[in-house]
């Protein structure tokens, strides 16, 4: 597979959009993998601190409603 940005050999895939990236273009960004209520109903999250990010895709600032999944 080739890097989305430079056509060199890809080394990873973006956690957020799925684009393949080489070592030079791979960056890191934290991502939640699970949310839950802890002791005393305190919201907690399990986070991967250094998930691969292509640096190109733009994360949306707010969640998008999906009422069709109800």
N, C-alpha and C. Protein backbone atom coordinates (compact mmCIF):
# COMPACT_ATOMS: atom_id res chain seq x y z
N UNK A 1 0.84 -1.17 0.00
CA UNK A 1 0.00 0.00 0.00
C UNK A 1 0.89 1.24 0.00
N UNK A 2 0.43 2.31 -0.61
CA UNK A 2 1.20 3.54 -0.74
C UNK A 2 0.63 4.63 0.18
N UNK A 3 1.49 5.54 0.60
CA UNK A 3 1.09 6.67 1.43
C UNK A 3 0.15 7.58 0.64
N UNK A 4 -0.90 8.01 1.28
CA UNK A 4 -1.89 8.89 0.65
C UNK A 4 -1.26 10.20 0.18
N UNK A 5 -0.22 10.68 0.89
CA UNK A 5 0.35 11.99 0.59
C UNK A 5 1.54 11.95 -0.37
N UNK A 6 2.39 10.92 -0.30
CA UNK A 6 3.63 10.98 -1.09
C UNK A 6 3.91 9.76 -1.96
N UNK A 7 3.06 8.74 -1.90
CA UNK A 7 3.24 7.53 -2.70
C UNK A 7 4.38 6.62 -2.24
N UNK A 8 5.05 6.93 -1.11
CA UNK A 8 6.04 6.01 -0.54
C UNK A 8 5.30 4.86 0.14
N UNK A 9 6.06 3.85 0.55
CA UNK A 9 5.45 2.70 1.21
C UNK A 9 4.76 3.13 2.50
N UNK A 10 3.50 2.73 2.66
CA UNK A 10 2.74 3.06 3.87
C UNK A 10 3.18 2.17 5.02
N UNK A 11 3.18 2.73 6.22
CA UNK A 11 3.56 1.99 7.43
C UNK A 11 2.41 1.88 8.42
N UNK A 12 1.35 2.68 8.23
CA UNK A 12 0.24 2.68 9.18
C UNK A 12 -1.02 3.18 8.49
N UNK A 13 -2.14 3.04 9.19
CA UNK A 13 -3.43 3.50 8.70
C UNK A 13 -4.03 4.45 9.72
N UNK A 14 -4.57 5.56 9.26
CA UNK A 14 -5.19 6.55 10.14
C UNK A 14 -6.36 5.94 10.90
N UNK A 15 -6.37 6.07 12.19
CA UNK A 15 -7.43 5.56 13.05
C UNK A 15 -8.77 6.23 12.74
N UNK A 16 -8.73 7.45 12.23
CA UNK A 16 -9.94 8.24 12.07
C UNK A 16 -10.57 8.13 10.69
N UNK A 17 -9.77 8.09 9.61
CA UNK A 17 -10.35 8.07 8.26
C UNK A 17 -9.94 6.85 7.45
N UNK A 18 -8.90 6.13 7.86
CA UNK A 18 -8.48 4.93 7.16
C UNK A 18 -7.45 5.14 6.07
N UNK A 19 -6.97 6.38 5.87
CA UNK A 19 -5.93 6.62 4.87
C UNK A 19 -4.62 5.96 5.31
N UNK A 20 -3.89 5.40 4.34
CA UNK A 20 -2.58 4.83 4.62
C UNK A 20 -1.54 5.95 4.62
N UNK A 21 -0.58 5.87 5.54
CA UNK A 21 0.47 6.89 5.63
C UNK A 21 1.83 6.24 5.86
N UNK A 22 2.88 6.91 5.36
CA UNK A 22 4.25 6.46 5.60
C UNK A 22 4.69 6.97 6.97
N UNK A 23 5.87 6.57 7.40
CA UNK A 23 6.40 6.98 8.70
C UNK A 23 6.54 8.51 8.78
N UNK A 24 6.95 9.14 7.69
CA UNK A 24 7.15 10.58 7.68
C UNK A 24 5.85 11.37 7.85
N UNK A 25 4.76 10.88 7.28
CA UNK A 25 3.49 11.61 7.33
C UNK A 25 2.58 11.17 8.47
N UNK A 26 2.93 10.10 9.16
CA UNK A 26 2.12 9.65 10.29
C UNK A 26 2.33 10.59 11.48
N UNK A 27 1.23 11.04 12.06
CA UNK A 27 1.28 11.83 13.28
C UNK A 27 0.44 11.09 14.32
N UNK A 28 0.36 11.64 15.50
CA UNK A 28 -0.37 10.97 16.58
C UNK A 28 -1.40 11.92 17.18
N UNK A 29 -2.51 11.32 17.62
CA UNK A 29 -3.57 12.08 18.27
C UNK A 29 -4.28 11.14 19.25
N UNK A 30 -4.68 11.63 20.40
CA UNK A 30 -5.41 10.77 21.34
C UNK A 30 -6.82 10.47 20.83
N UNK A 31 -7.32 9.30 21.20
CA UNK A 31 -8.70 8.93 20.85
C UNK A 31 -9.31 8.11 21.98
N UNK A 32 -10.60 8.29 22.20
CA UNK A 32 -11.33 7.49 23.18
C UNK A 32 -11.65 6.14 22.58
N UNK A 33 -11.50 5.09 23.39
CA UNK A 33 -11.93 3.78 22.93
C UNK A 33 -13.14 3.28 23.70
N UNK A 34 -13.39 3.88 24.88
CA UNK A 34 -14.58 3.51 25.65
C UNK A 34 -14.89 4.61 26.67
N UNK A 35 -16.16 4.80 26.92
CA UNK A 35 -16.63 5.73 27.96
C UNK A 35 -17.52 4.93 28.91
N UNK A 36 -17.45 5.25 30.19
CA UNK A 36 -18.28 4.55 31.17
C UNK A 36 -18.43 5.40 32.42
N UNK A 37 -19.33 4.98 33.31
CA UNK A 37 -19.51 5.65 34.60
C UNK A 37 -18.71 4.88 35.64
N UNK A 38 -17.84 5.58 36.34
CA UNK A 38 -17.03 4.98 37.39
C UNK A 38 -17.70 5.15 38.75
N UNK A 39 -16.88 5.08 39.80
CA UNK A 39 -17.39 5.26 41.15
C UNK A 39 -18.11 6.59 41.29
N UNK A 40 -19.17 6.60 42.07
CA UNK A 40 -19.97 7.80 42.31
C UNK A 40 -20.50 8.40 41.01
N UNK A 41 -20.75 7.55 40.01
CA UNK A 41 -21.27 7.98 38.71
C UNK A 41 -20.41 9.05 38.03
N UNK A 42 -19.10 8.96 38.23
CA UNK A 42 -18.17 9.88 37.58
C UNK A 42 -17.86 9.37 36.18
N UNK A 43 -18.12 10.18 35.14
CA UNK A 43 -17.79 9.74 33.78
C UNK A 43 -16.27 9.53 33.63
N UNK A 44 -15.91 8.42 33.00
CA UNK A 44 -14.50 8.10 32.76
C UNK A 44 -14.35 7.63 31.33
N UNK A 45 -13.14 7.73 30.81
CA UNK A 45 -12.89 7.27 29.46
C UNK A 45 -11.55 6.56 29.37
N UNK A 46 -11.52 5.51 28.55
CA UNK A 46 -10.25 4.84 28.23
C UNK A 46 -9.73 5.49 26.96
N UNK A 47 -8.49 5.97 27.00
CA UNK A 47 -7.93 6.74 25.90
C UNK A 47 -6.64 6.10 25.40
N UNK A 48 -6.49 6.05 24.09
CA UNK A 48 -5.21 5.71 23.48
C UNK A 48 -4.54 7.03 23.18
N UNK A 49 -3.40 7.30 23.81
CA UNK A 49 -2.77 8.61 23.72
C UNK A 49 -2.11 8.88 22.37
N UNK A 50 -1.67 7.84 21.68
CA UNK A 50 -0.89 8.06 20.47
C UNK A 50 -1.41 7.25 19.28
N UNK A 51 -2.71 7.35 19.02
CA UNK A 51 -3.29 6.69 17.84
C UNK A 51 -2.76 7.37 16.58
N UNK A 52 -2.57 6.60 15.53
CA UNK A 52 -2.06 7.15 14.27
C UNK A 52 -3.12 8.04 13.63
N UNK A 53 -2.68 9.23 13.21
CA UNK A 53 -3.54 10.20 12.52
C UNK A 53 -2.82 10.65 11.26
N UNK A 54 -3.52 10.74 10.15
CA UNK A 54 -2.91 11.11 8.87
C UNK A 54 -2.55 12.59 8.81
N UNK A 55 -3.13 13.41 9.66
CA UNK A 55 -2.87 14.84 9.64
C UNK A 55 -3.72 15.59 8.64
N UNK A 56 -4.51 14.87 7.85
CA UNK A 56 -5.34 15.50 6.83
C UNK A 56 -6.82 15.53 7.19
N UNK A 57 -7.33 14.45 7.72
CA UNK A 57 -8.77 14.41 8.00
C UNK A 57 -9.08 15.38 9.15
N UNK A 58 -10.26 15.97 9.08
CA UNK A 58 -10.67 16.95 10.08
C UNK A 58 -11.76 16.36 10.95
N UNK A 59 -11.49 16.27 12.23
CA UNK A 59 -12.48 15.77 13.15
C UNK A 59 -13.54 16.83 13.37
N UNK A 60 -14.79 16.42 13.42
CA UNK A 60 -15.89 17.36 13.59
C UNK A 60 -15.92 17.87 15.03
N UNK A 61 -16.24 19.15 15.24
CA UNK A 61 -16.22 19.72 16.58
C UNK A 61 -17.36 19.23 17.47
N UNK A 62 -18.42 18.71 16.87
CA UNK A 62 -19.56 18.23 17.66
C UNK A 62 -20.02 16.88 17.12
N UNK A 63 -20.65 16.13 17.99
CA UNK A 63 -21.20 14.84 17.59
C UNK A 63 -22.34 15.05 16.59
N UNK A 64 -22.52 14.10 15.69
CA UNK A 64 -23.56 14.15 14.68
C UNK A 64 -24.68 13.20 15.09
N UNK A 65 -25.91 13.71 15.11
CA UNK A 65 -27.06 12.89 15.47
C UNK A 65 -27.31 11.80 14.44
N UNK A 66 -27.70 10.63 14.91
CA UNK A 66 -28.01 9.50 14.02
C UNK A 66 -29.29 8.83 14.50
N UNK A 67 -30.43 9.53 14.38
CA UNK A 67 -31.68 8.99 14.92
C UNK A 67 -32.12 7.69 14.25
N UNK A 68 -31.65 7.41 13.05
CA UNK A 68 -32.05 6.19 12.35
C UNK A 68 -31.54 4.92 13.05
N UNK A 69 -30.61 5.07 13.98
CA UNK A 69 -30.07 3.90 14.70
C UNK A 69 -30.91 3.50 15.90
N UNK A 70 -31.95 4.28 16.22
CA UNK A 70 -32.80 3.94 17.38
C UNK A 70 -33.70 2.79 17.07
